[in-house]
Amino acid sequence: MRLLVVRFSAMGDVALLLPVLVSVLRRHPDVQIDVLTRPKLASLFEGIERLRPVPADVDGEYKGIGGLWRLGKHLQIRQYDYFIDAHQNLRSNVLKAIAHLQGVRCLSISKNRKLRKRFIRERAAFALPHVTDMYATPFRQLGLDTDLLPPPYLIPSAEDEQAIDNFLTSVALLPKSSPWMGIAPFAFHENKQWGVHKVEALLRLIKERHPEWHVFLFGGGKKEAALMDALCALHPGRAINMAGCLSLRREWLLMHRLDAMLSMDSANMHLAALAGIPVVSVWGATHPHAGFAPLFQPAENMIQRDDLDCRPCSIFGSKPCVRGDKACMERIEAAQVMARLEKVVLSV
């Protein structure tokens, strides 16, 4: 059985496809899956038997309806037994229509939009299905076993391992002699960010209590890189700004070597969890029960304020704070996060 699965964005959502696909492939040796996604995300699916990333520049070469029609011809969609729309946006719907015209059977996820609205209206009075369950539904309709296997899901090549070793040697971190932890301070939406000032306070606590810890700071873009440079200056010689140091795939593989990751509700939270390491996450405008909790992580590692009747205020953290003071984040103190990190790191 040959399947074409489509998901273009966002990074965290695309990454969460991987555990579903890997679990299906390991249980069903007669299945082959191609994943259509943006070029910068295609590397997340490399190196796995019978899983082939298909990069497509839908913002350039295949932009617009005409571009998607050319993409459909390039893909030779009729070679597939099934087209699985794991995105449900305009682009994927156009490609699904092309697949249907070519006689390919199509299945789609359901985003549960009505249930999501009720979840926000009732302030997380119940839990939504995890997004991986949403992704698994079309595969279950095909009679495939989708029970998630445990991480890690990404298999490093010898070249990957050597590149990571070379980087760690260049910053004098090999051989490893003390705990390594990651911090991903940023998220796409501001209301999902704890705040640089809070991370500064946390780094001061780390330097004070555990000066031997090495901290890897994860983020991208010029603005974030500059902020992370300033954060590294608070723990000189022990904090490393990872911006631009490794490819996305190798940055993800490096996470597998960390003792823990601190993250916002962001792509890095999911990448770290899928790498199979402990993840401490900080939640503000959003809520783990909305279906985006990091996989295989205990509830006590998800830090949030349960005493505010205004949260969660949105599924994705895209709405402005109705209070204007970001209390959901501001009332989470560095000492509270530090205590959880110490419990996680020192128990590894």
C-alpha atoms as a PDB file:
ATOM      1  CA  MET A   1       0.000   0.000   0.000  1.00  0.00           C
ATOM      2  CA  ARG A   2       1.447   3.357  -1.027  1.00  0.00           C
ATOM      3  CA  LEU A   3       0.240   6.519   0.698  1.00  0.00           C
ATOM      4  CA  LEU A   4       0.779  10.219   0.045  1.00  0.00           C
ATOM      5  CA  VAL A   5       0.411  12.278   3.242  1.00  0.00           C
ATOM      6  CA  VAL A   6       0.217  16.078   3.011  1.00  0.00           C
ATOM      7  CA  ARG A   7       1.105  18.557   5.753  1.00  0.00           C
ATOM      8  CA  PHE A   8       2.840  21.859   4.951  1.00  0.00           C
ATOM      9  CA  SER A   9       3.079  23.613   8.345  1.00  0.00           C
ATOM     10  CA  ALA A  10       3.625  24.552  11.105  1.00  0.00           C
ATOM     11  CA  MET A  11       6.874  22.936  12.259  1.00  0.00           C
ATOM     12  CA  GLY A  12       5.454  21.453  15.462  1.00  0.00           C
ATOM     13  CA  ASP A  13       2.388  20.106  13.656  1.00  0.00           C
ATOM     14  CA  VAL A  14       4.544  18.563  10.927  1.00  0.00           C
ATOM     15  CA  ALA A  15       6.867  16.983  13.511  1.00  0.00           C
ATOM     16  CA  LEU A  16       3.901  15.401  15.299  1.00  0.00           C
ATOM     17  CA  LEU A  17       3.123  13.434  12.150  1.00  0.00           C
ATOM     18  CA  LEU A  18       6.344  11.475  12.632  1.00  0.00           C
ATOM     19  CA  PRO A  19       5.342   9.272  15.600  1.00  0.00           C
ATOM     20  CA  VAL A  20       2.143   8.264  13.793  1.00  0.00           C
ATOM     21  CA  LEU A  21       3.944   7.459  10.543  1.00  0.00           C
ATOM     22  CA  VAL A  22       6.784   5.571  12.213  1.00  0.00           C
ATOM     23  CA  SER A  23       4.354   3.544  14.329  1.00  0.00           C
ATOM     24  CA  VAL A  24       2.344   2.572  11.243  1.00  0.00           C
ATOM     25  CA  LEU A  25       5.423   1.662   9.199  1.00  0.00           C
ATOM     26  CA  ARG A  26       7.027  -0.502  11.889  1.00  0.00           C
ATOM     27  CA  ARG A  27       3.853  -2.536  12.269  1.00  0.00           C
ATOM     28  CA  HIS A  28       2.968  -2.784   8.571  1.00  0.00           C
ATOM     29  CA  PRO A  29       5.937  -3.765   6.365  1.00  0.00           C
ATOM     30  CA  ASP A  30       3.758  -3.631   3.231  1.00  0.00           C
ATOM     31  CA  VAL A  31       3.098   0.126   3.646  1.00  0.00           C
ATOM     32  CA  GLN A  32       5.151   2.898   2.043  1.00  0.00           C
ATOM     33  CA  ILE A  33       4.521   6.554   2.880  1.00  0.00           C
ATOM     34  CA  ASP A  34       5.553   9.720   1.044  1.00  0.00           C
ATOM     35  CA  VAL A  35       5.193  12.990   2.988  1.00  0.00           C
ATOM     36  CA  LEU A  36       4.577  16.185   1.043  1.00  0.00           C
ATOM     37  CA  THR A  37       5.764  19.205   3.018  1.00  0.00           C
ATOM     38  CA  ARG A  38       7.797  22.404   2.779  1.00  0.00           C
ATOM     39  CA  PRO A  39      11.504  21.984   1.868  1.00  0.00           C
ATOM     40  CA  LYS A  40      12.793  23.273   5.222  1.00  0.00           C
ATOM     41  CA  LEU A  41      10.771  20.609   7.067  1.00  0.00           C
ATOM     42  CA  ALA A  42      11.467  17.658   4.772  1.00  0.00           C
ATOM     43  CA  SER A  43      14.602  16.639   6.683  1.00  0.00           C
ATOM     44  CA  LEU A  44      12.424  15.667   9.668  1.00  0.00           C
ATOM     45  CA  PHE A  45      11.407  12.558   7.694  1.00  0.00           C
ATOM     46  CA  GLU A  46      14.788  11.480   6.323  1.00  0.00           C
ATOM     47  CA  GLY A  47      16.577   8.237   7.090  1.00  0.00           C
ATOM     48  CA  ILE A  48      13.525   6.111   7.930  1.00  0.00           C
ATOM     49  CA  GLU A  49      12.828   2.964   5.951  1.00  0.00           C
ATOM     50  CA  ARG A  50       9.799   3.235   3.616  1.00  0.00           C
ATOM     51  CA  LEU A  51       9.244   6.866   4.588  1.00  0.00           C
ATOM     52  CA  ARG A  52      10.152   9.378   1.859  1.00  0.00           C
ATOM     53  CA  PRO A  53       9.978  13.159   2.267  1.00  0.00           C
ATOM     54  CA  VAL A  54       8.725  15.031  -0.814  1.00  0.00           C
ATOM     55  CA  PRO A  55       9.693  18.716  -0.526  1.00  0.00           C
ATOM     56  CA  ALA A  56       7.570  21.240  -2.394  1.00  0.00           C
ATOM     57  CA  ASP A  57       8.083  25.011  -2.515  1.00  0.00           C
ATOM     58  CA  VAL A  58       4.417  26.064  -2.373  1.00  0.00           C
ATOM     59  CA  ASP A  59       5.437  29.671  -1.697  1.00  0.00           C
ATOM     60  CA  GLY A  60       7.524  29.894  -4.881  1.00  0.00           C
ATOM     61  CA  GLU A  61       7.755  27.262  -7.596  1.00  0.00           C
ATOM     62  CA  TYR A  62       4.310  25.814  -6.890  1.00  0.00           C
ATOM     63  CA  LYS A  63       2.546  28.962  -5.711  1.00  0.00           C
ATOM     64  CA  GLY A  64      -1.134  29.489  -6.494  1.00  0.00           C
ATOM     65  CA  ILE A  65      -3.706  27.261  -8.169  1.00  0.00           C
ATOM     66  CA  GLY A  66      -1.594  26.908 -11.310  1.00  0.00           C
ATOM     67  CA  GLY A  67       1.445  25.972  -9.272  1.00  0.00           C
ATOM     68  CA  LEU A  68      -0.505  23.351  -7.340  1.00  0.00           C
ATOM     69  CA  TRP A  69      -1.779  21.890 -10.622  1.00  0.00           C
ATOM     70  CA  ARG A  70       1.852  21.571 -11.803  1.00  0.00           C
ATOM     71  CA  LEU A  71       2.754  20.037  -8.451  1.00  0.00           C
ATOM     72  CA  GLY A  72      -0.009  17.474  -8.871  1.00  0.00           C
ATOM     73  CA  LYS A  73       1.379  16.507 -12.273  1.00  0.00           C
ATOM     74  CA  HIS A  74       4.932  16.356 -10.885  1.00  0.00           C
ATOM     75  CA  LEU A  75       3.829  14.083  -8.042  1.00  0.00           C
ATOM     76  CA  GLN A  76       2.111  11.662 -10.423  1.00  0.00           C
ATOM     77  CA  ILE A  77      -0.608  11.318  -7.814  1.00  0.00           C
ATOM     78  CA  ARG A  78      -2.286   8.394  -9.570  1.00  0.00           C
ATOM     79  CA  GLN A  79       0.633   6.160  -8.486  1.00  0.00           C
ATOM     80  CA  TYR A  80      -0.689   6.280  -4.896  1.00  0.00           C
ATOM     81  CA  ASP A  81      -3.341   4.042  -3.400  1.00  0.00           C
ATOM     82  CA  TYR A  82      -4.517   6.746  -0.997  1.00  0.00           C
ATOM     83  CA  PHE A  83      -4.146  10.513  -0.564  1.00  0.00           C
ATOM     84  CA  ILE A  84      -4.242  11.542   3.116  1.00  0.00           C
ATOM     85  CA  ASP A  85      -4.884  15.217   3.840  1.00  0.00           C
ATOM     86  CA  ALA A  86      -3.308  15.857   7.246  1.00  0.00           C
ATOM     87  CA  HIS A  87      -3.587  19.633   6.895  1.00  0.00           C
ATOM     88  CA  GLN A  88      -7.082  20.601   5.694  1.00  0.00           C
ATOM     89  CA  ASN A  89      -6.178  23.992   4.256  1.00  0.00           C
ATOM     90  CA  LEU A  90      -6.695  25.547   0.825  1.00  0.00           C
ATOM     91  CA  ARG A  91      -3.516  24.062  -0.681  1.00  0.00           C
ATOM     92  CA  SER A  92      -4.149  20.546   0.545  1.00  0.00           C
ATOM     93  CA  ASN A  93      -7.790  20.749  -0.560  1.00  0.00           C
ATOM     94  CA  VAL A  94      -6.735  21.703  -4.104  1.00  0.00           C
ATOM     95  CA  LEU A  95      -4.301  18.775  -4.241  1.00  0.00           C
ATOM     96  CA  LYS A  96      -6.975  16.493  -2.824  1.00  0.00           C
ATOM     97  CA  ALA A  97      -9.331  17.546  -5.613  1.00  0.00           C
ATOM     98  CA  ILE A  98      -6.620  16.751  -8.173  1.00  0.00           C
ATOM     99  CA  ALA A  99      -6.083  13.347  -6.557  1.00  0.00           C
ATOM    100  CA  HIS A 100      -9.826  12.687  -6.653  1.00  0.00           C
ATOM    101  CA  LEU A 101      -9.979  13.601 -10.350  1.00  0.00           C
ATOM    102  CA  GLN A 102      -7.207  11.083 -10.994  1.00  0.00           C
ATOM    103  CA  GLY A 103      -9.121   8.311  -9.272  1.00  0.00           C
ATOM    104  CA  VAL A 104      -7.088   8.220  -6.065  1.00  0.00           C
ATOM    105  CA  ARG A 105      -9.063   7.542  -2.909  1.00  0.00           C
ATOM    106  CA  CYS A 106      -8.816  10.413  -0.415  1.00  0.00           C
ATOM    107  CA  LEU A 107      -9.071  10.637   3.362  1.00  0.00           C
ATOM    108  CA  SER A 108      -8.821  13.687   5.613  1.00  0.00           C
ATOM    109  CA  ILE A 109      -8.309  14.596   9.243  1.00  0.00           C
ATOM    110  CA  SER A 110     -10.958  16.477  11.196  1.00  0.00           C
ATOM    111  CA  LYS A 111      -9.765  19.540  13.101  1.00  0.00           C
ATOM    112  CA  ASN A 112     -12.681  19.397  15.550  1.00  0.00           C
ATOM    113  CA  ARG A 113     -13.237  23.153  15.224  1.00  0.00           C
ATOM    114  CA  LYS A 114     -16.594  23.153  17.058  1.00  0.00           C
ATOM    115  CA  LEU A 115     -15.151  21.123  19.912  1.00  0.00           C
ATOM    116  CA  ARG A 116     -12.146  23.445  20.097  1.00  0.00           C
ATOM    117  CA  LYS A 117     -14.438  26.483  20.400  1.00  0.00           C
ATOM    118  CA  ARG A 118     -16.331  24.770  23.200  1.00  0.00           C
ATOM    119  CA  PHE A 119     -13.037  23.897  24.915  1.00  0.00           C
ATOM    120  CA  ILE A 120     -12.059  27.572  25.035  1.00  0.00           C
ATOM    121  CA  ARG A 121     -15.562  28.696  26.007  1.00  0.00           C
ATOM    122  CA  GLU A 122     -15.622  26.216  28.908  1.00  0.00           C
ATOM    123  CA  ARG A 123     -12.022  26.995  29.940  1.00  0.00           C
ATOM    124  CA  ALA A 124     -10.559  23.502  29.516  1.00  0.00           C
ATOM    125  CA  ALA A 125     -13.367  21.753  31.409  1.00  0.00           C
ATOM    126  CA  PHE A 126     -12.577  18.646  29.371  1.00  0.00           C
ATOM    127  CA  ALA A 127      -9.629  17.352  27.350  1.00  0.00           C
ATOM    128  CA  LEU A 128      -9.478  17.383  23.565  1.00  0.00           C
ATOM    129  CA  PRO A 129      -7.969  14.411  21.694  1.00  0.00           C
ATOM    130  CA  HIS A 130      -4.250  14.756  21.120  1.00  0.00           C
ATOM    131  CA  VAL A 131      -3.281  15.999  17.661  1.00  0.00           C
ATOM    132  CA  THR A 132      -1.553  12.665  16.995  1.00  0.00           C
ATOM    133  CA  ASP A 133      -4.933  10.993  17.463  1.00  0.00           C
ATOM    134  CA  MET A 134      -6.342  13.389  14.876  1.00  0.00           C
ATOM    135  CA  TYR A 135      -3.555  12.389  12.476  1.00  0.00           C
ATOM    136  CA  ALA A 136      -4.086   8.697  13.196  1.00  0.00           C
ATOM    137  CA  THR A 137      -7.782   8.667  12.267  1.00  0.00           C
ATOM    138  CA  PRO A 138      -7.353   8.277   8.456  1.00  0.00           C
ATOM    139  CA  PHE A 139      -4.848   5.459   8.993  1.00  0.00           C
ATOM    140  CA  ARG A 140      -7.258   3.684  11.325  1.00  0.00           C
ATOM    141  CA  GLN A 141      -9.928   3.995   8.631  1.00  0.00           C
ATOM    142  CA  LEU A 142      -7.574   1.969   6.423  1.00  0.00           C
ATOM    143  CA  GLY A 143      -7.367  -0.734   9.092  1.00  0.00           C
ATOM    144  CA  LEU A 144      -3.811   0.196  10.143  1.00  0.00           C
ATOM    145  CA  ASP A 145      -2.520  -0.018  13.723  1.00  0.00           C
ATOM    146  CA  THR A 146      -1.675   3.487  14.935  1.00  0.00           C
ATOM    147  CA  ASP A 147      -0.843   2.899  18.615  1.00  0.00           C
ATOM    148  CA  LEU A 148       2.178   5.098  19.231  1.00  0.00           C
ATOM    149  CA  LEU A 149       5.535   3.453  19.771  1.00  0.00           C
ATOM    150  CA  PRO A 150       7.845   5.244  22.238  1.00  0.00           C
ATOM    151  CA  PRO A 151      10.504   7.739  21.107  1.00  0.00           C
ATOM    152  CA  PRO A 152      13.057   8.461  19.789  1.00  0.00           C
ATOM    153  CA  TYR A 153      11.724   8.416  16.238  1.00  0.00           C
ATOM    154  CA  LEU A 154      14.566   9.979  14.273  1.00  0.00           C
ATOM    155  CA  ILE A 155      17.538   7.736  13.469  1.00  0.00           C
ATOM    156  CA  PRO A 156      20.913   9.514  13.044  1.00  0.00           C
ATOM    157  CA  SER A 157      23.258   8.548  10.239  1.00  0.00           C
ATOM    158  CA  ALA A 158      26.986   8.168  10.803  1.00  0.00           C
ATOM    159  CA  GLU A 159      27.451  11.528   9.058  1.00  0.00           C
ATOM    160  CA  ASP A 160      24.937  13.158  11.410  1.00  0.00           C
ATOM    161  CA  GLU A 161      26.683  11.781  14.479  1.00  0.00           C
ATOM    162  CA  GLN A 162      30.083  12.937  13.244  1.00  0.00           C
ATOM    163  CA  ALA A 163      28.809  16.435  12.461  1.00  0.00           C
ATOM    164  CA  ILE A 164      27.303  16.745  15.943  1.00  0.00           C
ATOM    165  CA  ASP A 165      30.493  15.413  17.564  1.00  0.00           C
ATOM    166  CA  ASN A 166      32.551  17.921  15.562  1.00  0.00           C
ATOM    167  CA  PHE A 167      30.349  20.773  16.755  1.00  0.00           C
ATOM    168  CA  LEU A 168      30.473  19.682  20.400  1.00  0.00           C
ATOM    169  CA  THR A 169      34.254  19.312  20.191  1.00  0.00           C
ATOM    170  CA  SER A 170      34.538  22.803  18.708  1.00  0.00           C
ATOM    171  CA  VAL A 171      32.823  24.268  21.782  1.00  0.00           C
ATOM    172  CA  ALA A 172      34.830  22.051  24.157  1.00  0.00           C
ATOM    173  CA  LEU A 173      31.891  19.959  25.359  1.00  0.00           C
ATOM    174  CA  LEU A 174      33.275  16.508  24.602  1.00  0.00           C
ATOM    175  CA  PRO A 175      33.796  14.375  26.526  1.00  0.00           C
ATOM    176  CA  LYS A 176      30.646  15.161  28.508  1.00  0.00           C
ATOM    177  CA  SER A 177      31.417  15.826  32.169  1.00  0.00           C
ATOM    178  CA  SER A 178      28.303  17.600  33.502  1.00  0.00           C
ATOM    179  CA  PRO A 179      24.553  17.830  32.829  1.00  0.00           C
ATOM    180  CA  TRP A 180      23.398  19.337  29.545  1.00  0.00           C
ATOM    181  CA  MET A 181      20.045  21.050  29.312  1.00  0.00           C
ATOM    182  CA  GLY A 182      18.288  22.947  26.569  1.00  0.00           C
ATOM    183  CA  ILE A 183      16.216  26.102  26.816  1.00  0.00           C
ATOM    184  CA  ALA A 184      13.884  27.173  24.005  1.00  0.00           C
ATOM    185  CA  PRO A 185      12.685  30.619  25.189  1.00  0.00           C
ATOM    186  CA  PHE A 186      10.537  31.542  22.197  1.00  0.00           C
ATOM    187  CA  ALA A 187       7.271  30.598  20.506  1.00  0.00           C
ATOM    188  CA  PHE A 188       5.535  31.849  17.377  1.00  0.00           C
ATOM    189  CA  HIS A 189       2.928  33.791  19.355  1.00  0.00           C
ATOM    190  CA  GLU A 190       3.960  36.249  22.079  1.00  0.00           C
ATOM    191  CA  ASN A 191       1.359  35.022  24.564  1.00  0.00           C
ATOM    192  CA  LYS A 192       3.038  31.599  24.578  1.00  0.00           C
ATOM    193  CA  GLN A 193       6.390  33.091  25.649  1.00  0.00           C
ATOM    194  CA  TRP A 194       7.408  33.191  29.276  1.00  0.00           C
ATOM    195  CA  GLY A 195       9.540  36.256  28.585  1.00  0.00           C
ATOM    196  CA  VAL A 196      13.262  36.925  28.226  1.00  0.00           C
ATOM    197  CA  HIS A 197      13.340  38.536  31.680  1.00  0.00           C
ATOM    198  CA  LYS A 198      12.070  35.298  33.208  1.00  0.00           C
ATOM    199  CA  VAL A 199      14.694  33.251  31.356  1.00  0.00           C
ATOM    200  CA  GLU A 200      17.336  35.702  32.561  1.00  0.00           C
ATOM    201  CA  ALA A 201      16.248  35.079  36.149  1.00  0.00           C
ATOM    202  CA  LEU A 202      16.360  31.330  35.564  1.00  0.00           C
ATOM    203  CA  LEU A 203      19.884  31.474  34.100  1.00  0.00           C
ATOM    204  CA  ARG A 204      21.055  33.413  37.150  1.00  0.00           C
ATOM    205  CA  LEU A 205      19.646  30.656  39.360  1.00  0.00           C
ATOM    206  CA  ILE A 206      21.373  27.982  37.291  1.00  0.00           C
ATOM    207  CA  LYS A 207      24.686  29.819  37.523  1.00  0.00           C
ATOM    208  CA  GLU A 208      24.241  30.222  41.276  1.00  0.00           C
ATOM    209  CA  ARG A 209      23.085  26.693  42.126  1.00  0.00           C
ATOM    210  CA  HIS A 210      24.595  24.562  39.358  1.00  0.00           C
ATOM    211  CA  PRO A 211      27.489  26.427  37.716  1.00  0.00           C
ATOM    212  CA  GLU A 212      28.648  23.152  36.136  1.00  0.00           C
ATOM    213  CA  TRP A 213      25.499  22.771  33.998  1.00  0.00           C
ATOM    214  CA  HIS A 214      25.840  23.501  30.285  1.00  0.00           C
ATOM    215  CA  VAL A 215      22.861  25.228  28.680  1.00  0.00           C
ATOM    216  CA  PHE A 216      21.993  25.065  24.976  1.00  0.00           C
ATOM    217  CA  LEU A 217      19.723  27.888  23.803  1.00  0.00           C
ATOM    218  CA  PHE A 218      17.465  27.047  20.841  1.00  0.00           C
ATOM    219  CA  GLY A 219      15.773  29.518  18.518  1.00  0.00           C
ATOM    220  CA  GLY A 220      16.016  31.028  15.054  1.00  0.00           C
ATOM    221  CA  GLY A 221      16.002  34.353  13.267  1.00  0.00           C
ATOM    222  CA  LYS A 222      18.256  37.371  13.737  1.00  0.00           C
ATOM    223  CA  LYS A 223      16.210  38.916  16.550  1.00  0.00           C
ATOM    224  CA  GLU A 224      16.062  35.686  18.559  1.00  0.00           C
ATOM    225  CA  ALA A 225      19.767  34.996  17.932  1.00  0.00           C
ATOM    226  CA  ALA A 226      20.703  38.427  19.304  1.00  0.00           C
ATOM    227  CA  LEU A 227      18.534  37.887  22.396  1.00  0.00           C
ATOM    228  CA  MET A 228      20.132  34.493  22.955  1.00  0.00           C
ATOM    229  CA  ASP A 229      23.596  36.060  22.717  1.00  0.00           C
ATOM    230  CA  ALA A 230      22.606  38.349  25.575  1.00  0.00           C
ATOM    231  CA  LEU A 231      21.286  35.380  27.560  1.00  0.00           C
ATOM    232  CA  CYS A 232      24.526  33.456  27.014  1.00  0.00           C
ATOM    233  CA  ALA A 233      26.451  36.363  28.541  1.00  0.00           C
ATOM    234  CA  LEU A 234      24.686  35.625  31.852  1.00  0.00           C
ATOM    235  CA  HIS A 235      26.357  32.214  32.053  1.00  0.00           C
ATOM    236  CA  PRO A 236      29.625  32.694  30.159  1.00  0.00           C
ATOM    237  CA  GLY A 237      31.464  29.588  29.081  1.00  0.00           C
ATOM    238  CA  ARG A 238      28.511  27.376  29.939  1.00  0.00           C
ATOM    239  CA  ALA A 239      25.697  28.696  27.711  1.00  0.00           C
ATOM    240  CA  ILE A 240      25.736  28.031  23.963  1.00  0.00           C
ATOM    241  CA  ASN A 241      23.655  29.887  21.379  1.00  0.00           C
ATOM    242  CA  MET A 242      22.555  27.203  18.895  1.00  0.00           C
ATOM    243  CA  ALA A 243      21.172  29.629  16.274  1.00  0.00           C
ATOM    244  CA  GLY A 244      22.729  28.747  12.920  1.00  0.00           C
ATOM    245  CA  CYS A 245      25.104  26.141  14.338  1.00  0.00           C
ATOM    246  CA  LEU A 246      23.473  22.981  12.951  1.00  0.00           C
ATOM    247  CA  SER A 247      20.820  22.016  10.429  1.00  0.00           C
ATOM    248  CA  LEU A 248      17.286  21.505  11.719  1.00  0.00           C
ATOM    249  CA  ARG A 249      17.676  17.728  11.537  1.00  0.00           C
ATOM    250  CA  ARG A 250      21.002  17.720  13.413  1.00  0.00           C
ATOM    251  CA  GLU A 251      19.757  20.213  15.992  1.00  0.00           C
ATOM    252  CA  TRP A 252      16.919  17.778  16.668  1.00  0.00           C
ATOM    253  CA  LEU A 253      19.362  14.871  16.923  1.00  0.00           C
ATOM    254  CA  LEU A 254      21.488  16.873  19.368  1.00  0.00           C
ATOM    255  CA  MET A 255      18.439  17.184  21.633  1.00  0.00           C
ATOM    256  CA  HIS A 256      18.579  13.411  22.118  1.00  0.00           C
ATOM    257  CA  ARG A 257      21.869  13.900  23.995  1.00  0.00           C
ATOM    258  CA  LEU A 258      20.478  16.467  26.444  1.00  0.00           C
ATOM    259  CA  ASP A 259      19.446  15.614  29.990  1.00  0.00           C
ATOM    260  CA  ALA A 260      16.346  17.840  29.774  1.00  0.00           C
ATOM    261  CA  MET A 261      14.697  20.630  27.804  1.00  0.00           C
ATOM    262  CA  LEU A 262      12.820  23.683  29.036  1.00  0.00           C
ATOM    263  CA  SER A 263      10.439  25.002  26.412  1.00  0.00           C
ATOM    264  CA  MET A 264       7.364  27.061  25.798  1.00  0.00           C
ATOM    265  CA  ASP A 265       4.349  25.544  24.001  1.00  0.00           C
ATOM    266  CA  SER A 266       6.310  25.491  20.740  1.00  0.00           C
ATOM    267  CA  ALA A 267       7.858  23.317  18.041  1.00  0.00           C
ATOM    268  CA  ASN A 268      10.987  22.819  20.149  1.00  0.00           C
ATOM    269  CA  MET A 269       8.857  21.355  22.929  1.00  0.00           C
ATOM    270  CA  HIS A 270       7.563  18.708  20.534  1.00  0.00           C
ATOM    271  CA  LEU A 271      10.958  18.068  18.941  1.00  0.00           C
ATOM    272  CA  ALA A 272      12.535  17.471  22.349  1.00  0.00           C
ATOM    273  CA  ALA A 273       9.732  15.149  23.445  1.00  0.00           C
ATOM    274  CA  LEU A 274      10.017  13.207  20.182  1.00  0.00           C
ATOM    275  CA  ALA A 275      13.757  12.913  20.815  1.00  0.00           C
ATOM    276  CA  GLY A 276      12.850  10.989  23.965  1.00  0.00           C
ATOM    277  CA  ILE A 277      14.196  13.330  26.649  1.00  0.00           C
ATOM    278  CA  PRO A 278      12.417  14.890  29.666  1.00  0.00           C
ATOM    279  CA  VAL A 279      10.693  18.161  28.757  1.00  0.00           C
ATOM    280  CA  VAL A 280       9.632  20.843  31.228  1.00  0.00           C
ATOM    281  CA  SER A 281       7.139  23.127  29.490  1.00  0.00           C
ATOM    282  CA  VAL A 282       5.688  26.505  30.462  1.00  0.00           C
ATOM    283  CA  TRP A 283       2.065  27.223  29.504  1.00  0.00           C
ATOM    284  CA  GLY A 284       0.315  30.580  29.424  1.00  0.00           C
ATOM    285  CA  ALA A 285      -2.456  31.475  26.994  1.00  0.00           C
ATOM    286  CA  THR A 286      -2.756  27.872  25.791  1.00  0.00           C
ATOM    287  CA  HIS A 287      -3.396  24.619  27.650  1.00  0.00           C
ATOM    288  CA  PRO A 288      -1.941  21.079  27.424  1.00  0.00           C
ATOM    289  CA  HIS A 289      -5.462  19.606  27.306  1.00  0.00           C
ATOM    290  CA  ALA A 290      -6.085  21.332  23.949  1.00  0.00           C
ATOM    291  CA  GLY A 291      -4.360  18.390  22.266  1.00  0.00           C
ATOM    292  CA  PHE A 292      -0.832  19.749  22.010  1.00  0.00           C
ATOM    293  CA  ALA A 293       0.798  18.407  25.168  1.00  0.00           C
ATOM    294  CA  PRO A 294       4.324  17.043  24.639  1.00  0.00           C
ATOM    295  CA  LEU A 295       4.148  13.291  24.118  1.00  0.00           C
ATOM    296  CA  PHE A 296       5.131  10.872  26.879  1.00  0.00           C
ATOM    297  CA  GLN A 297       5.721  13.650  29.441  1.00  0.00           C
ATOM    298  CA  PRO A 298       4.246  13.636  32.981  1.00  0.00           C
ATOM    299  CA  ALA A 299       1.694  16.290  33.893  1.00  0.00           C
ATOM    300  CA  GLU A 300       3.912  17.662  36.664  1.00  0.00           C
ATOM    301  CA  ASN A 301       6.441  18.753  34.023  1.00  0.00           C
ATOM    302  CA  MET A 302       3.827  21.055  32.438  1.00  0.00           C
ATOM    303  CA  ILE A 303       3.920  24.251  34.468  1.00  0.00           C
ATOM    304  CA  GLN A 304       0.848  26.491  34.360  1.00  0.00           C
ATOM    305  CA  ARG A 305      -1.434  28.668  36.484  1.00  0.00           C
ATOM    306  CA  ASP A 306      -4.762  27.000  37.237  1.00  0.00           C
ATOM    307  CA  ASP A 307      -6.113  29.930  39.279  1.00  0.00           C
ATOM    308  CA  LEU A 308      -6.934  32.247  36.371  1.00  0.00           C
ATOM    309  CA  ASP A 309     -10.431  32.099  34.929  1.00  0.00           C
ATOM    310  CA  CYS A 310      -9.294  33.738  31.656  1.00  0.00           C
ATOM    311  CA  ARG A 311      -7.138  30.861  30.429  1.00  0.00           C
ATOM    312  CA  PRO A 312      -6.877  29.221  28.091  1.00  0.00           C
ATOM    313  CA  CYS A 313      -7.882  32.137  25.893  1.00  0.00           C
ATOM    314  CA  SER A 314      -7.172  30.402  22.575  1.00  0.00           C
ATOM    315  CA  ILE A 315      -6.082  27.069  21.129  1.00  0.00           C
ATOM    316  CA  PHE A 316      -2.925  28.414  19.485  1.00  0.00           C
ATOM    317  CA  GLY A 317      -2.083  31.436  21.656  1.00  0.00           C
ATOM    318  CA  SER A 318      -2.817  33.857  18.818  1.00  0.00           C
ATOM    319  CA  LYS A 319      -5.266  36.166  20.632  1.00  0.00           C
ATOM    320  CA  PRO A 320      -4.110  39.211  22.653  1.00  0.00           C
ATOM    321  CA  CYS A 321      -4.211  39.037  26.443  1.00  0.00           C
ATOM    322  CA  VAL A 322      -7.632  40.273  27.603  1.00  0.00           C
ATOM    323  CA  ARG A 323      -6.172  41.367  30.963  1.00  0.00           C
ATOM    324  CA  GLY A 324      -3.236  43.158  29.391  1.00  0.00           C
ATOM    325  CA  ASP A 325      -0.744  41.910  31.976  1.00  0.00           C
ATOM    326  CA  LYS A 326       0.021  38.326  30.810  1.00  0.00           C
ATOM    327  CA  ALA A 327      -0.639  37.130  34.359  1.00  0.00           C
ATOM    328  CA  CYS A 328      -0.660  33.525  33.185  1.00  0.00           C
ATOM    329  CA  MET A 329       3.059  33.847  32.437  1.00  0.00           C
ATOM    330  CA  GLU A 330       4.149  36.629  34.785  1.00  0.00           C
ATOM    331  CA  ARG A 331       2.906  34.698  37.827  1.00  0.00           C
ATOM    332  CA  ILE A 332       5.124  31.705  37.021  1.00  0.00           C
ATOM    333  CA  GLU A 333       8.358  32.387  38.874  1.00  0.00           C
ATOM    334  CA  ALA A 334      11.878  31.316  37.948  1.00  0.00           C
ATOM    335  CA  ALA A 335      12.256  29.507  41.285  1.00  0.00           C
ATOM    336  CA  GLN A 336       9.261  27.287  40.476  1.00  0.00           C
ATOM    337  CA  VAL A 337      10.682  26.326  37.090  1.00  0.00           C
ATOM    338  CA  MET A 338      14.142  25.835  38.599  1.00  0.00           C
ATOM    339  CA  ALA A 339      12.766  23.418  41.190  1.00  0.00           C
ATOM    340  CA  ARG A 340      11.156  21.288  38.484  1.00  0.00           C
ATOM    341  CA  LEU A 341      14.312  21.334  36.341  1.00  0.00           C
ATOM    342  CA  GLU A 342      16.436  20.258  39.291  1.00  0.00           C
ATOM    343  CA  LYS A 343      14.100  17.359  39.983  1.00  0.00           C
ATOM    344  CA  VAL A 344      14.239  16.269  36.347  1.00  0.00           C
ATOM    345  CA  VAL A 345      17.941  16.808  35.632  1.00  0.00           C
ATOM    346  CA  LEU A 346      19.301  15.494  38.902  1.00  0.00           C
ATOM    347  CA  SER A 347      17.148  12.359  38.751  1.00  0.00           C
ATOM    348  CA  VAL A 348      18.338  11.375  35.248  1.00  0.00           C
END
